[in-house]
N, C-alpha and C. Protein backbone atom coordinates (compact mmCIF):
# COMPACT_ATOMS: atom_id res chain seq x y z
N MET A 1 85.39 248.72 49.95
CA MET A 1 84.49 248.81 50.90
C MET A 1 83.47 249.89 50.38
N ALA A 2 82.23 249.49 50.27
CA ALA A 2 81.13 250.43 49.77
C ALA A 2 81.09 251.55 50.68
N ARG A 3 80.91 253.00 50.13
CA ARG A 3 80.83 253.99 50.90
C ARG A 3 79.42 254.21 51.36
N VAL A 4 79.37 254.64 52.73
CA VAL A 4 78.07 254.77 53.57
C VAL A 4 77.54 256.03 53.03
N LYS A 5 76.30 255.94 52.77
CA LYS A 5 75.58 257.15 52.21
C LYS A 5 75.13 257.97 53.58
N ARG A 6 75.26 259.22 53.65
CA ARG A 6 74.83 260.01 54.67
C ARG A 6 74.17 261.27 54.27
N GLU A 7 73.18 261.56 54.92
CA GLU A 7 72.24 262.66 54.59
C GLU A 7 71.89 263.40 55.91
N THR A 8 72.33 264.64 56.24
CA THR A 8 71.85 265.23 57.33
C THR A 8 70.76 266.12 57.13
N SER A 9 69.72 266.02 57.99
CA SER A 9 68.43 266.82 57.96
C SER A 9 68.55 268.02 58.77
N LEU A 10 67.53 268.83 58.66
CA LEU A 10 67.38 269.96 59.61
C LEU A 10 66.97 269.24 61.08
N PRO A 11 67.14 270.07 62.07
CA PRO A 11 66.85 269.65 63.51
C PRO A 11 65.33 269.03 63.43
N ARG A 12 65.24 267.80 64.13
CA ARG A 12 63.82 267.25 64.32
C ARG A 12 63.64 267.11 65.81
N ALA A 13 62.28 266.86 66.01
CA ALA A 13 61.91 266.50 67.32
C ALA A 13 61.80 264.79 67.32
N THR A 14 62.65 264.33 68.03
CA THR A 14 62.64 262.87 68.13
C THR A 14 62.00 262.30 69.20
N LEU A 15 61.41 261.09 69.03
CA LEU A 15 60.50 260.56 70.06
C LEU A 15 60.82 258.98 70.04
N ILE A 16 61.24 258.57 71.39
CA ILE A 16 61.32 257.10 71.47
C ILE A 16 60.46 256.78 72.77
N GLY A 17 59.89 255.69 72.54
CA GLY A 17 58.83 255.23 73.67
C GLY A 17 59.21 253.63 73.84
N ASP A 18 58.84 253.17 75.06
CA ASP A 18 58.68 251.78 75.24
C ASP A 18 57.53 251.46 76.33
N VAL A 19 57.40 250.25 76.34
CA VAL A 19 56.26 249.76 77.33
C VAL A 19 56.85 249.56 78.76
N VAL A 20 56.32 249.93 79.73
CA VAL A 20 56.72 249.90 81.14
C VAL A 20 56.35 248.37 81.44
N GLY A 21 57.29 247.65 81.97
CA GLY A 21 56.97 246.31 82.53
C GLY A 21 56.48 245.31 81.35
N SER A 22 57.01 245.53 80.17
CA SER A 22 56.51 244.70 78.99
C SER A 22 56.58 243.24 79.26
N ARG A 23 57.65 242.86 80.02
CA ARG A 23 57.97 241.38 80.22
C ARG A 23 56.79 240.65 80.97
N THR A 24 55.94 241.42 81.57
CA THR A 24 54.90 240.85 82.52
C THR A 24 53.57 240.42 81.45
N PHE A 25 53.69 241.08 80.25
CA PHE A 25 52.63 240.71 79.44
C PHE A 25 52.58 239.30 78.87
N ALA A 26 51.69 238.53 79.10
CA ALA A 26 51.61 237.01 78.66
C ALA A 26 51.32 236.98 77.04
N ASP A 27 50.50 237.94 76.71
CA ASP A 27 50.17 238.01 75.19
C ASP A 27 51.04 239.00 74.40
N ARG A 28 52.21 238.63 74.11
CA ARG A 28 53.15 239.54 73.49
C ARG A 28 52.59 240.04 72.08
N ARG A 29 52.03 239.00 71.32
CA ARG A 29 51.34 239.40 70.00
C ARG A 29 50.33 240.34 70.16
N GLY A 30 49.42 240.17 71.12
CA GLY A 30 48.25 241.18 71.41
C GLY A 30 48.82 242.39 71.92
N LEU A 31 49.94 242.45 72.71
CA LEU A 31 50.60 243.81 73.06
C LEU A 31 51.21 244.53 71.71
N HIS A 32 51.73 243.82 70.84
CA HIS A 32 52.40 244.30 69.66
C HIS A 32 51.32 245.02 68.91
N ARG A 33 50.27 244.24 68.58
CA ARG A 33 49.11 244.71 67.82
C ARG A 33 48.31 246.03 68.49
N ARG A 34 48.32 246.00 69.77
CA ARG A 34 47.69 247.22 70.42
C ARG A 34 48.54 248.42 70.15
N VAL A 35 49.89 248.19 70.32
CA VAL A 35 50.88 249.38 70.22
C VAL A 35 50.84 249.88 68.90
N THR A 36 50.90 248.96 67.91
CA THR A 36 51.03 249.31 66.54
C THR A 36 49.79 250.13 66.11
N ALA A 37 48.50 249.80 66.57
CA ALA A 37 47.21 250.29 66.23
C ALA A 37 47.28 251.75 66.72
N ALA A 38 47.85 251.96 68.00
CA ALA A 38 47.96 253.19 68.73
C ALA A 38 49.12 254.13 67.90
N LEU A 39 49.98 253.56 67.36
CA LEU A 39 50.99 254.34 66.74
C LEU A 39 50.42 254.95 65.28
N ALA A 40 49.51 254.27 64.73
CA ALA A 40 48.89 254.82 63.53
C ALA A 40 48.18 255.97 63.85
N THR A 41 47.62 256.20 64.93
CA THR A 41 46.84 257.41 65.32
C THR A 41 47.67 258.57 65.45
N VAL A 42 48.99 258.62 65.41
CA VAL A 42 49.88 259.73 65.46
C VAL A 42 50.80 259.98 64.40
N ALA A 43 50.71 259.21 63.23
CA ALA A 43 51.49 259.27 62.15
C ALA A 43 51.26 260.57 61.45
N GLU A 44 50.02 261.19 61.32
CA GLU A 44 49.89 262.27 60.45
C GLU A 44 50.68 263.50 61.32
N GLY A 45 51.29 264.30 60.22
CA GLY A 45 52.29 265.26 60.73
C GLY A 45 53.77 264.91 60.94
N ALA A 46 53.90 263.60 61.05
CA ALA A 46 55.34 263.21 61.38
C ALA A 46 56.26 263.32 60.35
N VAL A 47 57.53 263.46 60.59
CA VAL A 47 58.42 263.47 59.58
C VAL A 47 58.86 262.04 59.28
N ASP A 48 58.84 261.18 60.28
CA ASP A 48 59.12 259.78 60.34
C ASP A 48 58.09 259.12 61.20
N ALA A 49 56.98 258.52 60.72
CA ALA A 49 55.90 258.13 61.59
C ALA A 49 56.28 257.06 62.46
N PRO A 50 55.95 257.27 63.72
CA PRO A 50 56.47 256.29 64.66
C PRO A 50 56.07 254.88 64.47
N ALA A 51 57.09 254.01 64.73
CA ALA A 51 56.91 252.59 64.45
C ALA A 51 57.71 251.71 65.38
N LEU A 52 57.30 250.57 65.52
CA LEU A 52 58.10 249.52 66.44
C LEU A 52 59.46 249.20 65.86
N THR A 53 60.40 249.15 66.48
CA THR A 53 61.75 248.91 66.01
C THR A 53 62.21 247.66 66.56
N VAL A 54 62.45 247.43 67.74
CA VAL A 54 62.91 246.12 68.40
C VAL A 54 62.15 245.88 69.68
N GLY A 55 61.51 244.71 69.82
CA GLY A 55 60.67 244.42 70.89
C GLY A 55 59.46 245.36 71.10
N ASP A 56 59.40 245.91 72.24
CA ASP A 56 58.41 246.90 72.47
C ASP A 56 58.73 248.33 72.44
N GLU A 57 59.80 248.69 71.81
CA GLU A 57 60.30 250.13 71.54
C GLU A 57 59.86 250.59 70.26
N PHE A 58 59.48 251.90 70.36
CA PHE A 58 59.09 252.43 69.09
C PHE A 58 59.85 253.73 68.94
N GLN A 59 59.97 254.40 67.59
CA GLN A 59 60.69 255.60 67.41
C GLN A 59 59.91 256.33 66.20
N GLY A 60 60.07 257.63 66.39
CA GLY A 60 59.45 258.41 65.32
C GLY A 60 60.06 259.71 65.39
N ALA A 61 59.69 260.95 64.46
CA ALA A 61 60.29 261.99 64.50
C ALA A 61 59.22 263.11 63.87
N TYR A 62 59.26 264.26 64.57
CA TYR A 62 58.35 265.36 64.09
C TYR A 62 59.08 266.68 63.79
N PRO A 63 58.45 267.56 63.01
CA PRO A 63 58.97 268.78 62.67
C PRO A 63 59.09 269.74 63.90
N ALA A 64 58.36 269.55 64.89
CA ALA A 64 58.38 270.45 66.02
C ALA A 64 58.16 269.69 67.40
N VAL A 65 58.82 270.23 68.45
CA VAL A 65 58.87 269.55 69.78
C VAL A 65 57.35 269.43 70.20
N GLY A 66 56.59 270.55 69.99
CA GLY A 66 55.20 270.46 70.48
C GLY A 66 54.42 269.30 69.97
N LEU A 67 54.59 269.06 68.55
CA LEU A 67 53.92 267.87 67.95
C LEU A 67 54.38 266.48 68.57
N ALA A 68 55.67 266.33 68.97
CA ALA A 68 56.21 265.13 69.54
C ALA A 68 55.57 264.98 70.79
N ILE A 69 55.42 266.09 71.75
CA ILE A 69 54.96 266.06 73.03
C ILE A 69 53.42 265.65 72.93
N ASP A 70 52.72 266.19 72.03
CA ASP A 70 51.26 265.79 71.83
C ASP A 70 51.09 264.43 71.45
N ALA A 71 51.97 264.05 70.56
CA ALA A 71 51.92 262.54 70.06
C ALA A 71 52.07 261.58 71.32
N ALA A 72 53.13 261.99 72.16
CA ALA A 72 53.14 261.15 73.26
C ALA A 72 52.10 261.00 74.20
N LEU A 73 51.33 262.19 74.30
CA LEU A 73 50.18 262.28 75.33
C LEU A 73 49.17 261.40 74.57
N THR A 74 48.87 261.55 73.21
CA THR A 74 47.88 260.75 72.53
C THR A 74 48.10 259.30 72.73
N LEU A 75 49.40 258.82 72.45
CA LEU A 75 49.62 257.46 72.53
C LEU A 75 49.47 256.97 74.01
N ARG A 76 49.74 257.73 75.02
CA ARG A 76 49.55 257.20 76.47
C ARG A 76 48.11 257.12 76.79
N LEU A 77 47.33 258.03 76.23
CA LEU A 77 45.83 257.90 76.44
C LEU A 77 45.29 256.76 75.65
N GLU A 78 45.71 256.59 74.51
CA GLU A 78 45.08 255.47 73.65
C GLU A 78 45.47 254.19 74.29
N LEU A 79 46.40 254.04 74.90
CA LEU A 79 46.86 252.61 75.53
C LEU A 79 46.71 252.49 77.03
N ALA A 80 46.29 253.54 77.70
CA ALA A 80 46.09 253.47 79.20
C ALA A 80 44.79 252.92 79.60
N PRO A 81 44.39 252.26 80.56
CA PRO A 81 45.42 251.98 81.68
C PRO A 81 46.07 250.59 81.47
N ALA A 82 45.59 249.92 80.64
CA ALA A 82 46.28 248.61 80.37
C ALA A 82 47.73 248.48 80.10
N ILE A 83 48.10 249.45 79.28
CA ILE A 83 49.51 249.38 78.77
C ILE A 83 50.15 250.93 79.12
N ASP A 84 51.12 250.86 79.86
CA ASP A 84 51.99 252.04 80.45
C ASP A 84 53.01 252.33 79.55
N ILE A 85 53.30 253.52 79.08
CA ILE A 85 54.20 253.86 78.12
C ILE A 85 55.04 254.83 78.82
N ARG A 86 56.45 254.82 78.59
CA ARG A 86 57.44 255.94 78.94
C ARG A 86 57.87 256.49 77.76
N PHE A 87 58.51 257.70 77.74
CA PHE A 87 58.95 258.46 76.45
C PHE A 87 60.37 259.25 76.66
N GLY A 88 61.04 259.36 75.79
CA GLY A 88 62.18 260.00 75.84
C GLY A 88 62.01 261.05 74.33
N LEU A 89 62.06 262.38 74.49
CA LEU A 89 62.02 263.27 73.42
C LEU A 89 63.39 263.95 73.36
N GLY A 90 63.76 264.35 72.13
CA GLY A 90 64.95 265.03 71.92
C GLY A 90 64.79 266.03 70.82
N TRP A 91 65.78 266.87 70.61
CA TRP A 91 65.82 267.85 69.56
C TRP A 91 67.13 267.95 69.02
N GLY A 92 67.35 268.01 67.56
CA GLY A 92 68.66 267.97 67.24
C GLY A 92 68.73 267.36 65.81
N SER A 93 69.83 267.51 65.12
CA SER A 93 69.97 267.08 63.83
C SER A 93 69.92 265.48 63.76
N VAL A 94 69.53 265.09 62.65
CA VAL A 94 69.39 263.53 62.49
C VAL A 94 70.06 263.31 61.07
N THR A 95 70.95 262.28 61.13
CA THR A 95 71.76 261.88 59.86
C THR A 95 71.10 260.56 59.35
N THR A 96 70.71 260.51 58.10
CA THR A 96 70.37 259.13 57.48
C THR A 96 71.51 258.76 56.97
N LEU A 97 71.87 257.52 57.54
CA LEU A 97 73.01 256.82 57.10
C LEU A 97 72.99 256.11 55.98
N ASP A 98 71.73 255.47 55.53
CA ASP A 98 71.47 254.76 54.48
C ASP A 98 69.89 255.02 54.12
N ARG A 99 69.67 255.81 53.05
CA ARG A 99 68.31 256.06 52.48
C ARG A 99 67.45 254.78 52.42
N GLU A 100 68.12 253.74 51.75
CA GLU A 100 67.20 252.51 51.47
C GLU A 100 66.83 251.69 52.58
N SER A 101 67.83 251.75 53.52
CA SER A 101 67.46 250.96 54.78
C SER A 101 66.61 251.74 55.83
N GLY A 102 66.82 252.95 55.74
CA GLY A 102 66.15 254.04 56.70
C GLY A 102 67.00 254.28 57.87
N ILE A 103 68.18 253.62 58.15
CA ILE A 103 68.90 253.75 59.37
C ILE A 103 69.45 255.14 59.58
N GLN A 104 69.23 255.75 60.86
CA GLN A 104 69.50 257.04 61.17
C GLN A 104 70.36 257.09 62.43
N ASP A 105 71.03 258.12 62.57
CA ASP A 105 71.90 258.55 63.73
C ASP A 105 71.83 259.93 63.95
N GLY A 106 72.59 260.41 65.09
CA GLY A 106 72.86 261.82 65.12
C GLY A 106 72.40 262.20 66.49
N PRO A 107 72.64 263.67 66.78
CA PRO A 107 72.43 264.27 68.10
C PRO A 107 70.87 264.13 68.45
N GLY A 108 69.93 264.36 67.43
CA GLY A 108 68.56 264.34 67.84
C GLY A 108 68.16 262.91 68.34
N TRP A 109 68.74 261.79 68.05
CA TRP A 109 68.49 260.46 68.56
C TRP A 109 69.25 260.38 69.67
N TRP A 110 70.44 260.73 69.99
CA TRP A 110 71.11 260.74 71.09
C TRP A 110 70.35 261.33 72.34
N ALA A 111 69.78 262.62 71.94
CA ALA A 111 69.14 263.20 72.89
C ALA A 111 67.85 262.44 73.42
N ALA A 112 67.00 261.84 72.53
CA ALA A 112 66.00 261.20 72.85
C ALA A 112 66.18 259.91 73.63
N ARG A 113 67.46 259.37 73.26
CA ARG A 113 67.84 258.14 74.17
C ARG A 113 68.22 258.60 75.51
N ALA A 114 68.99 259.50 75.63
CA ALA A 114 69.48 260.07 77.06
C ALA A 114 68.19 260.43 77.89
N ALA A 115 67.09 260.87 77.18
CA ALA A 115 65.88 261.27 77.83
C ALA A 115 65.04 260.05 78.38
N ILE A 116 64.95 258.88 77.55
CA ILE A 116 64.20 257.88 77.99
C ILE A 116 64.89 257.04 79.01
N GLU A 117 66.22 257.19 78.84
CA GLU A 117 67.19 256.33 79.89
C GLU A 117 66.87 257.16 81.30
N TRP A 118 66.87 258.42 81.30
CA TRP A 118 66.51 259.37 82.52
C TRP A 118 65.15 258.91 83.09
N THR A 119 64.08 258.84 82.15
CA THR A 119 62.81 258.58 82.56
C THR A 119 62.71 257.20 83.34
N ALA A 120 63.22 256.20 82.68
CA ALA A 120 63.37 255.00 83.24
C ALA A 120 63.96 254.84 84.55
N ALA A 121 65.11 255.49 84.87
CA ALA A 121 65.77 255.58 86.07
C ALA A 121 64.79 256.32 87.19
N THR A 122 64.48 257.67 86.74
CA THR A 122 63.75 258.53 87.73
C THR A 122 62.53 257.87 88.10
N GLN A 123 61.50 257.14 87.41
CA GLN A 123 60.45 256.65 87.86
C GLN A 123 60.70 255.64 88.97
N GLN A 124 61.80 255.19 89.18
CA GLN A 124 62.16 254.24 90.17
C GLN A 124 62.32 254.94 91.58
N GLN A 125 62.46 256.29 91.51
CA GLN A 125 62.80 257.11 92.77
C GLN A 125 61.58 257.39 93.46
N PRO A 126 61.58 257.25 95.04
CA PRO A 126 60.42 257.70 95.75
C PRO A 126 60.03 259.14 95.30
N GLY A 127 58.78 259.11 95.22
CA GLY A 127 58.05 260.66 94.89
C GLY A 127 58.12 260.78 93.40
N MET A 128 58.68 260.06 92.57
CA MET A 128 58.73 260.29 91.13
C MET A 128 58.16 259.18 90.36
N THR A 129 57.34 258.32 91.02
CA THR A 129 56.85 257.16 90.35
C THR A 129 55.92 257.49 89.13
N HIS A 130 55.31 258.63 89.03
CA HIS A 130 54.45 258.99 87.86
C HIS A 130 55.31 259.51 86.77
N VAL A 131 56.50 259.87 86.86
CA VAL A 131 57.34 260.34 85.73
C VAL A 131 57.22 259.24 84.47
N ARG A 132 56.99 259.92 83.47
CA ARG A 132 56.75 258.98 82.08
C ARG A 132 57.37 259.75 80.92
N SER A 133 57.99 261.05 80.95
CA SER A 133 58.64 261.50 79.80
C SER A 133 59.54 262.51 80.18
N ALA A 134 60.54 262.75 79.36
CA ALA A 134 61.66 263.68 79.58
C ALA A 134 62.02 264.26 78.10
N PHE A 135 62.71 265.45 78.11
CA PHE A 135 62.99 266.08 76.97
C PHE A 135 64.46 266.49 77.14
N ARG A 136 65.30 266.34 75.99
CA ARG A 136 66.59 266.81 76.04
C ARG A 136 66.81 267.74 74.77
N ASN A 137 67.67 268.70 74.98
CA ASN A 137 67.97 269.56 73.75
C ASN A 137 69.46 270.10 74.06
N ASP A 138 70.49 269.42 73.40
CA ASP A 138 71.71 269.84 73.73
C ASP A 138 72.25 270.70 72.65
N THR A 139 71.48 271.12 71.81
CA THR A 139 71.99 272.15 70.78
C THR A 139 72.50 273.40 71.14
N GLY A 140 72.05 273.90 72.25
CA GLY A 140 72.36 275.25 72.70
C GLY A 140 71.38 276.32 72.19
N VAL A 141 70.60 276.03 71.21
CA VAL A 141 69.62 276.98 70.71
C VAL A 141 68.29 276.31 70.75
N GLY A 142 67.09 277.12 70.64
CA GLY A 142 65.78 276.60 70.62
C GLY A 142 65.14 276.45 72.02
N ILE A 143 64.37 275.56 72.22
CA ILE A 143 63.47 275.39 73.27
C ILE A 143 64.29 275.06 74.45
N ASP A 144 63.84 275.72 75.63
CA ASP A 144 64.79 275.50 77.01
C ASP A 144 64.18 273.98 77.41
N PRO A 145 65.13 273.18 77.61
CA PRO A 145 64.73 271.75 78.10
C PRO A 145 64.32 271.94 79.65
N HIS A 146 64.70 272.76 80.38
CA HIS A 146 64.44 272.87 81.80
C HIS A 146 62.94 273.30 81.84
N ALA A 147 62.50 274.20 81.14
CA ALA A 147 61.07 274.63 81.17
C ALA A 147 60.20 273.49 80.74
N VAL A 148 60.54 272.81 79.53
CA VAL A 148 59.68 271.74 79.15
C VAL A 148 59.60 270.52 80.10
N ASN A 149 60.69 270.14 80.67
CA ASN A 149 60.69 269.17 81.67
C ASN A 149 59.93 269.53 82.97
N ALA A 150 59.97 270.71 83.42
CA ALA A 150 59.19 271.11 84.49
C ALA A 150 57.61 270.83 84.15
N ALA A 151 57.25 271.34 82.90
CA ALA A 151 55.86 271.02 82.53
C ALA A 151 55.55 269.58 82.35
N LEU A 152 56.28 268.78 81.87
CA LEU A 152 56.11 267.34 81.65
C LEU A 152 55.99 266.67 82.89
N MET A 153 56.91 266.93 83.86
CA MET A 153 56.83 266.25 85.11
C MET A 153 55.46 266.64 85.91
N CYS A 154 55.12 267.92 85.82
CA CYS A 154 53.88 268.20 86.37
C CYS A 154 52.65 267.56 85.75
N ARG A 155 52.62 267.45 84.39
CA ARG A 155 51.59 266.84 83.68
C ARG A 155 51.62 265.16 83.99
N ASP A 156 52.69 264.52 84.00
CA ASP A 156 52.86 263.19 84.26
C ASP A 156 52.30 262.95 85.70
N HIS A 157 52.60 263.73 86.61
CA HIS A 157 51.99 263.52 87.96
C HIS A 157 50.59 263.57 87.89
N LEU A 158 49.97 264.71 87.38
CA LEU A 158 48.52 264.72 87.20
C LEU A 158 47.88 263.57 86.52
N LEU A 159 48.39 263.14 85.39
CA LEU A 159 47.96 262.04 84.60
C LEU A 159 48.08 260.80 85.48
N GLY A 160 49.14 260.50 86.16
CA GLY A 160 49.31 259.35 87.03
C GLY A 160 48.43 259.18 88.18
N SER A 161 47.87 260.41 88.58
CA SER A 161 46.96 260.50 89.71
C SER A 161 45.45 260.23 89.17
N LEU A 162 45.27 260.14 88.06
CA LEU A 162 43.82 260.00 87.58
C LEU A 162 43.25 258.57 87.73
N ASP A 163 42.16 258.33 87.90
CA ASP A 163 41.49 257.02 87.91
C ASP A 163 41.00 256.73 86.57
N GLU A 164 40.60 255.45 86.20
CA GLU A 164 40.19 255.04 84.96
C GLU A 164 39.24 255.87 84.29
N ARG A 165 38.10 256.30 85.04
CA ARG A 165 37.06 257.07 84.56
C ARG A 165 37.57 258.41 84.13
N SER A 166 38.39 259.08 84.83
CA SER A 166 38.79 260.30 84.69
C SER A 166 39.75 260.36 83.38
N LEU A 167 40.54 259.19 83.21
CA LEU A 167 41.39 259.10 81.96
C LEU A 167 40.51 259.04 80.76
N ARG A 168 39.32 258.39 80.84
CA ARG A 168 38.40 258.21 79.66
C ARG A 168 37.91 259.36 79.35
N ILE A 169 37.43 260.32 80.45
CA ILE A 169 36.83 261.52 80.20
C ILE A 169 37.88 262.59 79.55
N PHE A 170 39.04 262.49 79.97
CA PHE A 170 40.08 263.38 79.61
C PHE A 170 40.33 263.09 78.06
N ALA A 171 40.60 261.80 77.95
CA ALA A 171 40.75 261.39 76.53
C ALA A 171 39.73 261.92 75.61
N GLY A 172 38.39 261.79 76.10
CA GLY A 172 37.35 262.11 75.18
C GLY A 172 37.24 263.77 75.08
N MET A 173 37.70 264.49 76.04
CA MET A 173 37.73 265.93 76.08
C MET A 173 38.78 266.32 74.87
N ARG A 174 39.88 265.57 74.98
CA ARG A 174 40.89 265.88 73.99
C ARG A 174 40.46 265.67 72.57
N ALA A 175 39.56 264.50 72.40
CA ALA A 175 38.94 264.24 71.12
C ALA A 175 37.90 265.25 70.56
N GLY A 176 37.53 266.24 71.48
CA GLY A 176 36.53 267.10 71.18
C GLY A 176 35.14 266.85 71.45
N ARG A 177 35.01 265.81 72.31
CA ARG A 177 33.68 265.43 72.75
C ARG A 177 33.04 266.40 73.82
N THR A 178 31.78 266.63 73.84
CA THR A 178 31.17 267.60 74.84
C THR A 178 31.16 266.65 76.12
N LYS A 179 30.85 267.51 77.22
CA LYS A 179 30.82 266.83 78.49
C LYS A 179 29.48 266.19 78.60
N LYS A 180 28.51 266.74 77.82
CA LYS A 180 27.13 265.92 77.63
C LYS A 180 27.33 264.63 77.13
N GLU A 181 28.05 264.51 75.94
CA GLU A 181 28.35 263.31 75.44
C GLU A 181 29.01 262.30 76.30
N LEU A 182 30.21 262.96 76.92
CA LEU A 182 30.90 262.08 77.76
C LEU A 182 30.08 261.50 78.97
N ALA A 183 29.10 262.37 79.51
CA ALA A 183 28.28 261.91 80.61
C ALA A 183 27.47 260.79 80.12
N MET A 184 26.85 260.80 78.96
CA MET A 184 26.04 259.68 78.48
C MET A 184 26.82 258.41 78.25
N ALA A 185 28.06 258.58 77.82
CA ALA A 185 28.86 257.35 77.76
C ALA A 185 29.28 256.79 78.96
N GLU A 186 29.36 257.48 80.04
CA GLU A 186 29.76 257.06 81.23
C GLU A 186 28.51 256.74 82.19
N GLY A 187 27.40 257.03 81.67
CA GLY A 187 26.24 256.72 82.57
C GLY A 187 26.12 257.65 83.74
N ILE A 188 26.72 258.86 83.56
CA ILE A 188 26.55 259.77 84.70
C ILE A 188 25.99 261.16 84.28
N SER A 189 25.66 262.12 85.11
CA SER A 189 25.21 263.49 84.65
C SER A 189 26.32 264.25 84.06
N ALA A 190 25.81 265.14 83.39
CA ALA A 190 26.84 266.33 82.72
C ALA A 190 27.45 266.96 83.89
N SER A 191 26.58 267.24 85.00
CA SER A 191 27.11 267.93 86.06
C SER A 191 28.20 267.25 86.90
N ALA A 192 28.14 265.88 86.85
CA ALA A 192 29.14 265.01 87.48
C ALA A 192 30.41 264.94 86.65
N VAL A 193 30.16 265.01 85.46
CA VAL A 193 31.51 265.15 84.56
C VAL A 193 32.19 266.53 84.86
N SER A 194 31.39 267.53 84.79
CA SER A 194 31.93 268.81 84.96
C SER A 194 32.63 269.01 86.48
N GLN A 195 32.07 268.38 87.48
CA GLN A 195 32.62 268.52 88.73
C GLN A 195 33.95 267.66 88.80
N ARG A 196 33.97 266.47 88.08
CA ARG A 196 35.00 265.61 88.04
C ARG A 196 36.11 266.19 87.42
N ALA A 197 35.81 266.96 86.15
CA ALA A 197 36.91 267.63 85.41
C ALA A 197 37.49 268.76 86.12
N GLY A 198 36.78 269.51 87.09
CA GLY A 198 37.26 270.38 87.86
C GLY A 198 38.16 269.87 89.02
N ARG A 199 37.54 268.90 89.72
CA ARG A 199 38.33 268.36 90.84
C ARG A 199 39.62 267.69 90.48
N ALA A 200 39.60 266.87 89.40
CA ALA A 200 40.78 266.21 88.84
C ALA A 200 41.70 267.00 88.06
N GLY A 201 41.36 268.22 87.79
CA GLY A 201 42.27 268.94 86.91
C GLY A 201 42.31 268.68 85.38
N LEU A 202 41.15 268.13 84.92
CA LEU A 202 41.00 267.67 83.45
C LEU A 202 41.15 269.01 82.61
N ASP A 203 40.41 269.94 83.04
CA ASP A 203 40.29 271.16 82.18
C ASP A 203 41.74 271.89 82.14
N LEU A 204 42.47 271.82 83.26
CA LEU A 204 43.78 272.40 83.31
C LEU A 204 44.76 271.53 82.56
N LEU A 205 44.65 270.29 82.59
CA LEU A 205 45.49 269.36 81.72
C LEU A 205 45.19 269.61 80.07
N LEU A 206 43.99 269.72 79.70
CA LEU A 206 43.64 270.10 78.45
C LEU A 206 44.36 271.41 78.02
N ALA A 207 44.06 272.38 78.94
CA ALA A 207 44.85 273.67 78.52
C ALA A 207 46.29 273.65 78.24
N ALA A 208 46.86 273.04 79.27
CA ALA A 208 48.36 272.78 79.35
C ALA A 208 48.77 271.91 78.09
N ALA A 209 47.99 270.90 77.61
CA ALA A 209 48.33 270.14 76.49
C ALA A 209 48.20 271.03 75.08
N ALA A 210 47.39 272.00 75.15
CA ALA A 210 47.15 272.89 74.10
C ALA A 210 48.45 273.79 73.99
N GLU A 211 48.91 274.34 75.22
CA GLU A 211 50.06 275.18 75.11
C GLU A 211 51.35 274.43 74.70
N LEU A 212 51.54 273.20 75.23
CA LEU A 212 52.61 272.46 74.98
C LEU A 212 52.69 272.01 73.34
N ARG A 213 51.56 271.84 72.96
CA ARG A 213 51.58 271.51 71.45
C ARG A 213 51.95 272.66 70.49
N GLU A 214 52.11 273.85 71.01
CA GLU A 214 52.45 275.01 70.28
C GLU A 214 54.01 275.26 70.32
N LEU A 215 54.72 274.29 71.01
CA LEU A 215 56.12 274.44 71.27
C LEU A 215 57.00 274.28 69.92
């Protein structure tokens, strides 16, 4: 029997995502194309660029938890509101079982899998319908998962409460566009954009995203 090649890496921030309610999409090829295009926007800085694996699930890895969290937010905004995504994020070592095939295993992936399973189950509960992401770290060292999950749940609730215009404006704010530019794109006044940003918590979401990215 041929020996299996194993190579253990340093701890990584692992990311698993999938499409919520994907079976309801009639145009499966179109869904695949849109998700693939969105994944390309978060490839920079990744250890393993996120890519579709089986069906509508995708996986990727980053050198820091904050980068994985930020990638998840970018993907969610890229695909919203037509395509809803949930995420599981993990932290732990990753073992490459075979460099040629790229097959991986290890605690980092187990953590991300446990996180996305929790996300899928939790969003079915009353009062938790906006939950779309969770983080697991079973290494005993590094970032406290309880603190991260508290932040993620609050962020998910705020994002899930936004209407389509507020989502577009928030995405534009993250991309560095000014409120005057966003106002012109939306056909409203800059004052209206500022009022909406304050009322919907968009400035707060932007500040929180910047803080989480530093983890």
